[in-house]
Amino acid sequence: MSVEVSLPNGMVVSCRQKHEVPLVQLEIQSYFGNGVQLRAGDTMFDVGANIGLFSLAAYQHCGRDLQIFAFEPVAAIFELLHANCERNTEQSHVNTF
């Protein structure tokens, strides 16, 4: 079973446990403040992407001009990753595995 959560950036994501999303969002914000550098036109690999919160944040950070390859090995979580990326990105920019 999944629930939907609205993110501060306006995106809506599906997840299994609603309470984890704000915690992960805080962690992701620290990535950009601690040296992660992504620019429009870059290609990114998100290995162990979980439900895709970092991929989505990076996509928005780059003005929706980022090629993403997101990998998640757990089938049930992969379904959420794929749905979240499909809902919130242009499909030509995101590949989920």
PDB file of N, CA and C in Angstrom:
ATOM      1  N   MET A   1       0.842  -1.175   0.000  1.00  0.00           N
ATOM      2  CA  MET A   1       0.000   0.000   0.000  1.00  0.00           C
ATOM      3  C   MET A   1       0.888   1.240   0.000  1.00  0.00           C
ATOM      4  N   SER A   2       0.514   2.242  -0.774  1.00  0.00           N
ATOM      5  CA  SER A   2       1.283   3.479  -0.807  1.00  0.00           C
ATOM      6  C   SER A   2       0.385   4.666  -0.480  1.00  0.00           C
ATOM      7  N   VAL A   3       1.040   5.734  -0.052  1.00  0.00           N
ATOM      8  CA  VAL A   3       0.347   6.995   0.228  1.00  0.00           C
ATOM      9  C   VAL A   3       1.026   8.088  -0.579  1.00  0.00           C
ATOM     10  N   GLU A   4       0.312   9.170  -0.833  1.00  0.00           N
ATOM     11  CA  GLU A   4       0.873  10.293  -1.572  1.00  0.00           C
ATOM     12  C   GLU A   4       1.256  11.411  -0.612  1.00  0.00           C
ATOM     13  N   VAL A   5       2.366  12.063  -0.922  1.00  0.00           N
ATOM     14  CA  VAL A   5       2.868  13.170  -0.123  1.00  0.00           C
ATOM     15  C   VAL A   5       3.188  14.326  -1.071  1.00  0.00           C
ATOM     16  N   SER A   6       2.762  15.525  -0.706  1.00  0.00           N
ATOM     17  CA  SER A   6       3.112  16.722  -1.471  1.00  0.00           C
ATOM     18  C   SER A   6       4.424  17.277  -0.930  1.00  0.00           C
ATOM     19  N   LEU A   7       5.370  17.511  -1.822  1.00  0.00           N
ATOM     20  CA  LEU A   7       6.666  18.052  -1.442  1.00  0.00           C
ATOM     21  C   LEU A   7       6.625  19.581  -1.490  1.00  0.00           C
ATOM     22  N   PRO A   8       7.521  20.244  -0.769  1.00  0.00           N
ATOM     23  CA  PRO A   8       7.553  21.710  -0.782  1.00  0.00           C
ATOM     24  C   PRO A   8       7.759  22.301  -2.182  1.00  0.00           C
ATOM     25  N   ASN A   9       8.376  21.548  -3.084  1.00  0.00           N
ATOM     26  CA  ASN A   9       8.618  22.037  -4.442  1.00  0.00           C
ATOM     27  C   ASN A   9       7.411  21.850  -5.365  1.00  0.00           C
ATOM     28  N   GLY A  10       6.290  21.362  -4.823  1.00  0.00           N
ATOM     29  CA  GLY A  10       5.072  21.192  -5.609  1.00  0.00           C
ATOM     30  C   GLY A  10       4.884  19.809  -6.202  1.00  0.00           C
ATOM     31  N   MET A  11       5.915  18.989  -6.171  1.00  0.00           N
ATOM     32  CA  MET A  11       5.786  17.629  -6.684  1.00  0.00           C
ATOM     33  C   MET A  11       4.991  16.778  -5.698  1.00  0.00           C
ATOM     34  N   VAL A  12       4.334  15.762  -6.216  1.00  0.00           N
ATOM     35  CA  VAL A  12       3.613  14.794  -5.396  1.00  0.00           C
ATOM     36  C   VAL A  12       4.275  13.448  -5.629  1.00  0.00           C
ATOM     37  N   VAL A  13       4.602  12.754  -4.523  1.00  0.00           N
ATOM     38  CA  VAL A  13       5.247  11.447  -4.640  1.00  0.00           C
ATOM     39  C   VAL A  13       4.455  10.398  -3.876  1.00  0.00           C
ATOM     40  N   SER A  14       4.580   9.178  -4.342  1.00  0.00           N
ATOM     41  CA  SER A  14       4.013   8.031  -3.642  1.00  0.00           C
ATOM     42  C   SER A  14       5.103   7.399  -2.807  1.00  0.00           C
ATOM     43  N   CYS A  15       4.739   6.942  -1.614  1.00  0.00           N
ATOM     44  CA  CYS A  15       5.706   6.318  -0.720  1.00  0.00           C
ATOM     45  C   CYS A  15       4.989   5.279   0.127  1.00  0.00           C
ATOM     46  N   ARG A  16       5.759   4.520   0.876  1.00  0.00           N
ATOM     47  CA  ARG A  16       5.170   3.521   1.769  1.00  0.00           C
ATOM     48  C   ARG A  16       4.944   4.090   3.162  1.00  0.00           C
ATOM     49  N   GLN A  17       5.843   4.966   3.622  1.00  0.00           N
ATOM     50  CA  GLN A  17       5.751   5.517   4.963  1.00  0.00           C
ATOM     51  C   GLN A  17       5.896   7.032   4.899  1.00  0.00           C
ATOM     52  N   LYS A  18       4.792   7.714   5.037  1.00  0.00           N
ATOM     53  CA  LYS A  18       4.718   9.158   4.876  1.00  0.00           C
ATOM     54  C   LYS A  18       5.697   9.911   5.775  1.00  0.00           C
ATOM     55  N   HIS A  19       5.935   9.420   6.968  1.00  0.00           N
ATOM     56  CA  HIS A  19       6.781  10.133   7.924  1.00  0.00           C
ATOM     57  C   HIS A  19       8.254  10.178   7.515  1.00  0.00           C
ATOM     58  N   GLU A  20       8.690   9.299   6.623  1.00  0.00           N
ATOM     59  CA  GLU A  20      10.092   9.284   6.208  1.00  0.00           C
ATOM     60  C   GLU A  20      10.418  10.361   5.176  1.00  0.00           C
ATOM     61  N   VAL A  21       9.433  10.793   4.416  1.00  0.00           N
ATOM     62  CA  VAL A  21       9.685  11.734   3.322  1.00  0.00           C
ATOM     63  C   VAL A  21      10.293  13.046   3.813  1.00  0.00           C
ATOM     64  N   PRO A  22       9.760  13.710   4.839  1.00  0.00           N
ATOM     65  CA  PRO A  22      10.392  14.965   5.293  1.00  0.00           C
ATOM     66  C   PRO A  22      11.831  14.772   5.778  1.00  0.00           C
ATOM     67  N   LEU A  23      12.115  13.642   6.409  1.00  0.00           N
ATOM     68  CA  LEU A  23      13.480  13.376   6.878  1.00  0.00           C
ATOM     69  C   LEU A  23      14.448  13.226   5.712  1.00  0.00           C
ATOM     70  N   VAL A  24      14.031  12.501   4.699  1.00  0.00           N
ATOM     71  CA  VAL A  24      14.884  12.315   3.529  1.00  0.00           C
ATOM     72  C   VAL A  24      15.049  13.642   2.794  1.00  0.00           C
ATOM     73  N   GLN A  25      13.991  14.438   2.720  1.00  0.00           N
ATOM     74  CA  GLN A  25      14.067  15.748   2.070  1.00  0.00           C
ATOM     75  C   GLN A  25      15.109  16.636   2.747  1.00  0.00           C
ATOM     76  N   LEU A  26      15.158  16.633   4.073  1.00  0.00           N
ATOM     77  CA  LEU A  26      16.165  17.416   4.795  1.00  0.00           C
ATOM     78  C   LEU A  26      17.574  16.943   4.472  1.00  0.00           C
ATOM     79  N   GLU A  27      17.750  15.642   4.414  1.00  0.00           N
ATOM     80  CA  GLU A  27      19.056  15.090   4.078  1.00  0.00           C
ATOM     81  C   GLU A  27      19.475  15.500   2.670  1.00  0.00           C
ATOM     82  N   ILE A  28      18.557  15.441   1.734  1.00  0.00           N
ATOM     83  CA  ILE A  28      18.850  15.794   0.345  1.00  0.00           C
ATOM     84  C   ILE A  28      19.233  17.263   0.225  1.00  0.00           C
ATOM     85  N   GLN A  29      18.563  18.140   0.950  1.00  0.00           N
ATOM     86  CA  GLN A  29      18.910  19.565   0.914  1.00  0.00           C
ATOM     87  C   GLN A  29      20.355  19.782   1.349  1.00  0.00           C
ATOM     88  N   SER A  30      20.812  18.982   2.304  1.00  0.00           N
ATOM     89  CA  SER A  30      22.194  19.125   2.769  1.00  0.00           C
ATOM     90  C   SER A  30      23.193  18.694   1.702  1.00  0.00           C
ATOM     91  N   TYR A  31      22.824  17.800   0.810  1.00  0.00           N
ATOM     92  CA  TYR A  31      23.738  17.373  -0.250  1.00  0.00           C
ATOM     93  C   TYR A  31      24.196  18.576  -1.077  1.00  0.00           C
ATOM     94  N   PHE A  32      23.238  19.401  -1.483  1.00  0.00           N
ATOM     95  CA  PHE A  32      23.561  20.539  -2.343  1.00  0.00           C
ATOM     96  C   PHE A  32      24.359  21.599  -1.587  1.00  0.00           C
ATOM     97  N   GLY A  33      24.208  21.662  -0.273  1.00  0.00           N
ATOM     98  CA  GLY A  33      24.973  22.603   0.523  1.00  0.00           C
ATOM     99  C   GLY A  33      26.351  22.089   0.908  1.00  0.00           C
ATOM    100  N   ASN A  34      26.597  20.803   0.662  1.00  0.00           N
ATOM    101  CA  ASN A  34      27.869  20.193   1.064  1.00  0.00           C
ATOM    102  C   ASN A  34      28.667  19.645  -0.107  1.00  0.00           C
ATOM    103  N   GLY A  35      28.572  20.300  -1.246  1.00  0.00           N
ATOM    104  CA  GLY A  35      29.483  19.958  -2.325  1.00  0.00           C
ATOM    105  C   GLY A  35      28.930  19.228  -3.523  1.00  0.00           C
ATOM    106  N   VAL A  36      27.715  18.706  -3.469  1.00  0.00           N
ATOM    107  CA  VAL A  36      27.163  18.062  -4.657  1.00  0.00           C
ATOM    108  C   VAL A  36      26.907  19.144  -5.700  1.00  0.00           C
ATOM    109  N   GLN A  37      27.499  18.966  -6.860  1.00  0.00           N
ATOM    110  CA  GLN A  37      27.348  19.958  -7.921  1.00  0.00           C
ATOM    111  C   GLN A  37      26.737  19.306  -9.149  1.00  0.00           C
ATOM    112  N   LEU A  38      25.570  19.753  -9.503  1.00  0.00           N
ATOM    113  CA  LEU A  38      24.894  19.311 -10.725  1.00  0.00           C
ATOM    114  C   LEU A  38      24.472  20.544 -11.495  1.00  0.00           C
ATOM    115  N   ARG A  39      24.624  20.465 -12.798  1.00  0.00           N
ATOM    116  CA  ARG A  39      24.261  21.597 -13.658  1.00  0.00           C
ATOM    117  C   ARG A  39      23.348  21.118 -14.772  1.00  0.00           C
ATOM    118  N   ALA A  40      22.606  22.052 -15.316  1.00  0.00           N
ATOM    119  CA  ALA A  40      21.737  21.744 -16.454  1.00  0.00           C
ATOM    120  C   ALA A  40      22.573  21.057 -17.537  1.00  0.00           C
ATOM    121  N   GLY A  41      22.012  20.005 -18.112  1.00  0.00           N
ATOM    122  CA  GLY A  41      22.680  19.261 -19.167  1.00  0.00           C
ATOM    123  C   GLY A  41      23.521  18.093 -18.677  1.00  0.00           C
ATOM    124  N   ASP A  42      23.711  17.973 -17.358  1.00  0.00           N
ATOM    125  CA  ASP A  42      24.502  16.869 -16.796  1.00  0.00           C
ATOM    126  C   ASP A  42      23.756  15.542 -16.905  1.00  0.00           C
ATOM    127  N   THR A  43      24.500  14.458 -16.687  1.00  0.00           N
ATOM    128  CA  THR A  43      23.943  13.110 -16.566  1.00  0.00           C
ATOM    129  C   THR A  43      24.247  12.618 -15.160  1.00  0.00           C
ATOM    130  N   MET A  44      23.254  12.017 -14.512  1.00  0.00           N
ATOM    131  CA  MET A  44      23.406  11.571 -13.135  1.00  0.00           C
ATOM    132  C   MET A  44      22.967  10.122 -12.994  1.00  0.00           C
ATOM    133  N   PHE A  45      23.693   9.365 -12.185  1.00  0.00           N
ATOM    134  CA  PHE A  45      23.313   7.997 -11.840  1.00  0.00           C
ATOM    135  C   PHE A  45      22.922   7.992 -10.365  1.00  0.00           C
ATOM    136  N   ASP A  46      21.717   7.549 -10.076  1.00  0.00           N
ATOM    137  CA  ASP A  46      21.234   7.446  -8.698  1.00  0.00           C
ATOM    138  C   ASP A  46      21.082   5.955  -8.403  1.00  0.00           C
ATOM    139  N   VAL A  47      22.096   5.391  -7.766  1.00  0.00           N
ATOM    140  CA  VAL A  47      22.127   3.957  -7.496  1.00  0.00           C
ATOM    141  C   VAL A  47      21.612   3.722  -6.083  1.00  0.00           C
ATOM    142  N   GLY A  48      20.570   2.901  -5.978  1.00  0.00           N
ATOM    143  CA  GLY A  48      19.869   2.750  -4.705  1.00  0.00           C
ATOM    144  C   GLY A  48      18.933   3.928  -4.533  1.00  0.00           C
ATOM    145  N   ALA A  49      18.181   4.223  -5.572  1.00  0.00           N
ATOM    146  CA  ALA A  49      17.385   5.444  -5.657  1.00  0.00           C
ATOM    147  C   ALA A  49      16.183   5.482  -4.724  1.00  0.00           C
ATOM    148  N   ASN A  50      15.839   4.356  -4.130  1.00  0.00           N
ATOM    149  CA  ASN A  50      14.665   4.293  -3.264  1.00  0.00           C
ATOM    150  C   ASN A  50      13.457   4.772  -4.058  1.00  0.00           C
ATOM    151  N   ILE A  51      12.675   5.712  -3.542  1.00  0.00           N
ATOM    152  CA  ILE A  51      11.469   6.168  -4.255  1.00  0.00           C
ATOM    153  C   ILE A  51      11.750   7.349  -5.184  1.00  0.00           C
ATOM    154  N   GLY A  52      13.018   7.762  -5.276  1.00  0.00           N
ATOM    155  CA  GLY A  52      13.400   8.775  -6.248  1.00  0.00           C
ATOM    156  C   GLY A  52      13.479  10.197  -5.740  1.00  0.00           C
ATOM    157  N   LEU A  53      13.486  10.421  -4.446  1.00  0.00           N
ATOM    158  CA  LEU A  53      13.480  11.792  -3.942  1.00  0.00           C
ATOM    159  C   LEU A  53      14.721  12.579  -4.352  1.00  0.00           C
ATOM    160  N   PHE A  54      15.903  11.953  -4.314  1.00  0.00           N
ATOM    161  CA  PHE A  54      17.097  12.674  -4.750  1.00  0.00           C
ATOM    162  C   PHE A  54      17.062  12.927  -6.247  1.00  0.00           C
ATOM    163  N   SER A  55      16.649  11.948  -7.024  1.00  0.00           N
ATOM    164  CA  SER A  55      16.551  12.141  -8.475  1.00  0.00           C
ATOM    165  C   SER A  55      15.625  13.309  -8.807  1.00  0.00           C
ATOM    166  N   LEU A  56      14.488  13.365  -8.136  1.00  0.00           N
ATOM    167  CA  LEU A  56      13.528  14.441  -8.394  1.00  0.00           C
ATOM    168  C   LEU A  56      14.065  15.796  -7.955  1.00  0.00           C
ATOM    169  N   ALA A  57      14.744  15.847  -6.811  1.00  0.00           N
ATOM    170  CA  ALA A  57      15.328  17.107  -6.344  1.00  0.00           C
ATOM    171  C   ALA A  57      16.411  17.580  -7.310  1.00  0.00           C
ATOM    172  N   ALA A  58      17.239  16.651  -7.777  1.00  0.00           N
ATOM    173  CA  ALA A  58      18.297  17.001  -8.723  1.00  0.00           C
ATOM    174  C   ALA A  58      17.706  17.483 -10.046  1.00  0.00           C
ATOM    175  N   TYR A  59      16.662  16.823 -10.488  1.00  0.00           N
ATOM    176  CA  TYR A  59      15.978  17.195 -11.733  1.00  0.00           C
ATOM    177  C   TYR A  59      15.469  18.634 -11.646  1.00  0.00           C
ATOM    178  N   GLN A  60      14.850  18.971 -10.539  1.00  0.00           N
ATOM    179  CA  GLN A  60      14.344  20.330 -10.365  1.00  0.00           C
ATOM    180  C   GLN A  60      15.503  21.313 -10.183  1.00  0.00           C
ATOM    181  N   HIS A  61      16.527  20.926  -9.441  1.00  0.00           N
ATOM    182  CA  HIS A  61      17.705  21.768  -9.206  1.00  0.00           C
ATOM    183  C   HIS A  61      18.350  22.187 -10.528  1.00  0.00           C
ATOM    184  N   CYS A  62      18.315  21.302 -11.514  1.00  0.00           N
ATOM    185  CA  CYS A  62      18.936  21.567 -12.819  1.00  0.00           C
ATOM    186  C   CYS A  62      17.953  22.148 -13.828  1.00  0.00           C
ATOM    187  N   GLY A  63      16.876  22.704 -13.352  1.00  0.00           N
ATOM    188  CA  GLY A  63      15.916  23.330 -14.256  1.00  0.00           C
ATOM    189  C   GLY A  63      15.270  22.357 -15.213  1.00  0.00           C
ATOM    190  N   ARG A  64      15.088  21.129 -14.746  1.00  0.00           N
ATOM    191  CA  ARG A  64      14.467  20.062 -15.533  1.00  0.00           C
ATOM    192  C   ARG A  64      15.289  19.686 -16.768  1.00  0.00           C
ATOM    193  N   ASP A  65      16.579  19.993 -16.735  1.00  0.00           N
ATOM    194  CA  ASP A  65      17.485  19.648 -17.834  1.00  0.00           C
ATOM    195  C   ASP A  65      18.603  18.766 -17.279  1.00  0.00           C
ATOM    196  N   LEU A  66      18.244  17.530 -16.953  1.00  0.00           N
ATOM    197  CA  LEU A  66      19.169  16.578 -16.363  1.00  0.00           C
ATOM    198  C   LEU A  66      18.794  15.192 -16.862  1.00  0.00           C
ATOM    199  N   GLN A  67      19.763  14.449 -17.341  1.00  0.00           N
ATOM    200  CA  GLN A  67      19.535  13.067 -17.753  1.00  0.00           C
ATOM    201  C   GLN A  67      19.786  12.188 -16.540  1.00  0.00           C
ATOM    202  N   ILE A  68      18.788  11.406 -16.118  1.00  0.00           N
ATOM    203  CA  ILE A  68      18.892  10.607 -14.906  1.00  0.00           C
ATOM    204  C   ILE A  68      18.768   9.128 -15.228  1.00  0.00           C
ATOM    205  N   PHE A  69      19.656   8.346 -14.608  1.00  0.00           N
ATOM    206  CA  PHE A  69      19.567   6.892 -14.620  1.00  0.00           C
ATOM    207  C   PHE A  69      19.417   6.484 -13.157  1.00  0.00           C
ATOM    208  N   ALA A  70      18.206   6.067 -12.775  1.00  0.00           N
ATOM    209  CA  ALA A  70      17.908   5.737 -11.382  1.00  0.00           C
ATOM    210  C   ALA A  70      17.717   4.227 -11.242  1.00  0.00           C
ATOM    211  N   PHE A  71      18.435   3.644 -10.300  1.00  0.00           N
ATOM    212  CA  PHE A  71      18.419   2.200 -10.086  1.00  0.00           C
ATOM    213  C   PHE A  71      17.892   1.877  -8.690  1.00  0.00           C
ATOM    214  N   GLU A  72      16.958   0.935  -8.615  1.00  0.00           N
ATOM    215  CA  GLU A  72      16.438   0.462  -7.330  1.00  0.00           C
ATOM    216  C   GLU A  72      16.178  -1.032  -7.447  1.00  0.00           C
ATOM    217  N   PRO A  73      16.885  -1.871  -6.646  1.00  0.00           N
ATOM    218  CA  PRO A  73      16.760  -3.319  -6.779  1.00  0.00           C
ATOM    219  C   PRO A  73      15.529  -3.937  -6.118  1.00  0.00           C
ATOM    220  N   VAL A  74      14.897  -3.272  -5.182  1.00  0.00           N
ATOM    221  CA  VAL A  74      13.750  -3.848  -4.475  1.00  0.00           C
ATOM    222  C   VAL A  74      12.495  -3.587  -5.315  1.00  0.00           C
ATOM    223  N   ALA A  75      11.864  -4.642  -5.784  1.00  0.00           N
ATOM    224  CA  ALA A  75      10.763  -4.519  -6.747  1.00  0.00           C
ATOM    225  C   ALA A  75       9.637  -3.596  -6.284  1.00  0.00           C
ATOM    226  N   ALA A  76       9.190  -3.739  -5.054  1.00  0.00           N
ATOM    227  CA  ALA A  76       8.077  -2.912  -4.568  1.00  0.00           C
ATOM    228  C   ALA A  76       8.466  -1.436  -4.506  1.00  0.00           C
ATOM    229  N   ILE A  77       9.701  -1.159  -4.122  1.00  0.00           N
ATOM    230  CA  ILE A  77      10.182   0.226  -4.057  1.00  0.00           C
ATOM    231  C   ILE A  77      10.430   0.753  -5.468  1.00  0.00           C
ATOM    232  N   PHE A  78      10.936  -0.123  -6.348  1.00  0.00           N
ATOM    233  CA  PHE A  78      11.140   0.281  -7.739  1.00  0.00           C
ATOM    234  C   PHE A  78       9.837   0.784  -8.359  1.00  0.00           C
ATOM    235  N   GLU A  79       8.730   0.117  -8.070  1.00  0.00           N
ATOM    236  CA  GLU A  79       7.440   0.546  -8.625  1.00  0.00           C
ATOM    237  C   GLU A  79       7.111   1.975  -8.204  1.00  0.00           C
ATOM    238  N   LEU A  80       7.417   2.327  -6.959  1.00  0.00           N
ATOM    239  CA  LEU A  80       7.190   3.689  -6.483  1.00  0.00           C
ATOM    240  C   LEU A  80       8.146   4.666  -7.160  1.00  0.00           C
ATOM    241  N   LEU A  81       9.415   4.278  -7.291  1.00  0.00           N
ATOM    242  CA  LEU A  81      10.399   5.099  -7.996  1.00  0.00           C
ATOM    243  C   LEU A  81       9.920   5.402  -9.408  1.00  0.00           C
ATOM    244  N   HIS A  82       9.548   4.358 -10.112  1.00  0.00           N
ATOM    245  CA  HIS A  82       9.110   4.527 -11.503  1.00  0.00           C
ATOM    246  C   HIS A  82       7.875   5.434 -11.585  1.00  0.00           C
ATOM    247  N   ALA A  83       6.913   5.204 -10.719  1.00  0.00           N
ATOM    248  CA  ALA A  83       5.690   6.028 -10.721  1.00  0.00           C
ATOM    249  C   ALA A  83       6.007   7.486 -10.390  1.00  0.00           C
ATOM    250  N   ASN A  84       6.883   7.712  -9.424  1.00  0.00           N
ATOM    251  CA  ASN A  84       7.224   9.083  -9.036  1.00  0.00           C
ATOM    252  C   ASN A  84       7.951   9.821 -10.149  1.00  0.00           C
ATOM    253  N   CYS A  85       8.865   9.134 -10.811  1.00  0.00           N
ATOM    254  CA  CYS A  85       9.582   9.759 -11.919  1.00  0.00           C
ATOM    255  C   CYS A  85       8.660   9.997 -13.104  1.00  0.00           C
ATOM    256  N   GLU A  86       7.786   9.052 -13.370  1.00  0.00           N
ATOM    257  CA  GLU A  86       6.836   9.205 -14.473  1.00  0.00           C
ATOM    258  C   GLU A  86       5.897  10.388 -14.227  1.00  0.00           C
ATOM    259  N   ARG A  87       5.464  10.565 -12.999  1.00  0.00           N
ATOM    260  CA  ARG A  87       4.531  11.628 -12.634  1.00  0.00           C
ATOM    261  C   ARG A  87       5.170  13.019 -12.666  1.00  0.00           C
ATOM    262  N   ASN A  88       6.464  13.102 -12.325  1.00  0.00           N
ATOM    263  CA  ASN A  88       7.073  14.400 -12.064  1.00  0.00           C
ATOM    264  C   ASN A  88       8.170  14.836 -13.029  1.00  0.00           C
ATOM    265  N   THR A  89       8.428  14.061 -14.080  1.00  0.00           N
ATOM    266  CA  THR A  89       9.504  14.421 -15.008  1.00  0.00           C
ATOM    267  C   THR A  89       9.063  14.185 -16.448  1.00  0.00           C
ATOM    268  N   GLU A  90       9.862  14.732 -17.351  1.00  0.00           N
ATOM    269  CA  GLU A  90       9.695  14.401 -18.761  1.00  0.00           C
ATOM    270  C   GLU A  90      10.372  13.050 -18.975  1.00  0.00           C
ATOM    271  N   GLN A  91       9.663  12.120 -19.530  1.00  0.00           N
ATOM    272  CA  GLN A  91      10.176  10.749 -19.633  1.00  0.00           C
ATOM    273  C   GLN A  91      11.462  10.624 -20.444  1.00  0.00           C
ATOM    274  N   SER A  92      11.716  11.536 -21.340  1.00  0.00           N
ATOM    275  CA  SER A  92      12.952  11.429 -22.124  1.00  0.00           C
ATOM    276  C   SER A  92      14.185  11.734 -21.267  1.00  0.00           C
ATOM    277  N   HIS A  93      13.991  12.275 -20.062  1.00  0.00           N
ATOM    278  CA  HIS A  93      15.115  12.641 -19.201  1.00  0.00           C
ATOM    279  C   HIS A  93      15.408  11.626 -18.110  1.00  0.00           C
ATOM    280  N   VAL A  94      14.489  10.713 -17.850  1.00  0.00           N
ATOM    281  CA  VAL A  94      14.655   9.814 -16.709  1.00  0.00           C
ATOM    282  C   VAL A  94      14.494   8.363 -17.149  1.00  0.00           C
ATOM    283  N   ASN A  95      15.450   7.546 -16.736  1.00  0.00           N
ATOM    284  CA  ASN A  95      15.422   6.111 -17.001  1.00  0.00           C
ATOM    285  C   ASN A  95      15.479   5.395 -15.666  1.00  0.00           C
ATOM    286  N   THR A  96      14.526   4.503 -15.405  1.00  0.00           N
ATOM    287  CA  THR A  96      14.527   3.778 -14.151  1.00  0.00           C
ATOM    288  C   THR A  96      14.805   2.303 -14.413  1.00  0.00           C
ATOM    289  N   PHE A  97      15.585   1.720 -13.512  1.00  0.00           N
ATOM    290  CA  PHE A  97      15.985   0.318 -13.649  1.00  0.00           C
ATOM    291  C   PHE A  97      15.848  -0.391 -12.316  1.00  0.00           C
TER     292      PHE A  97
END
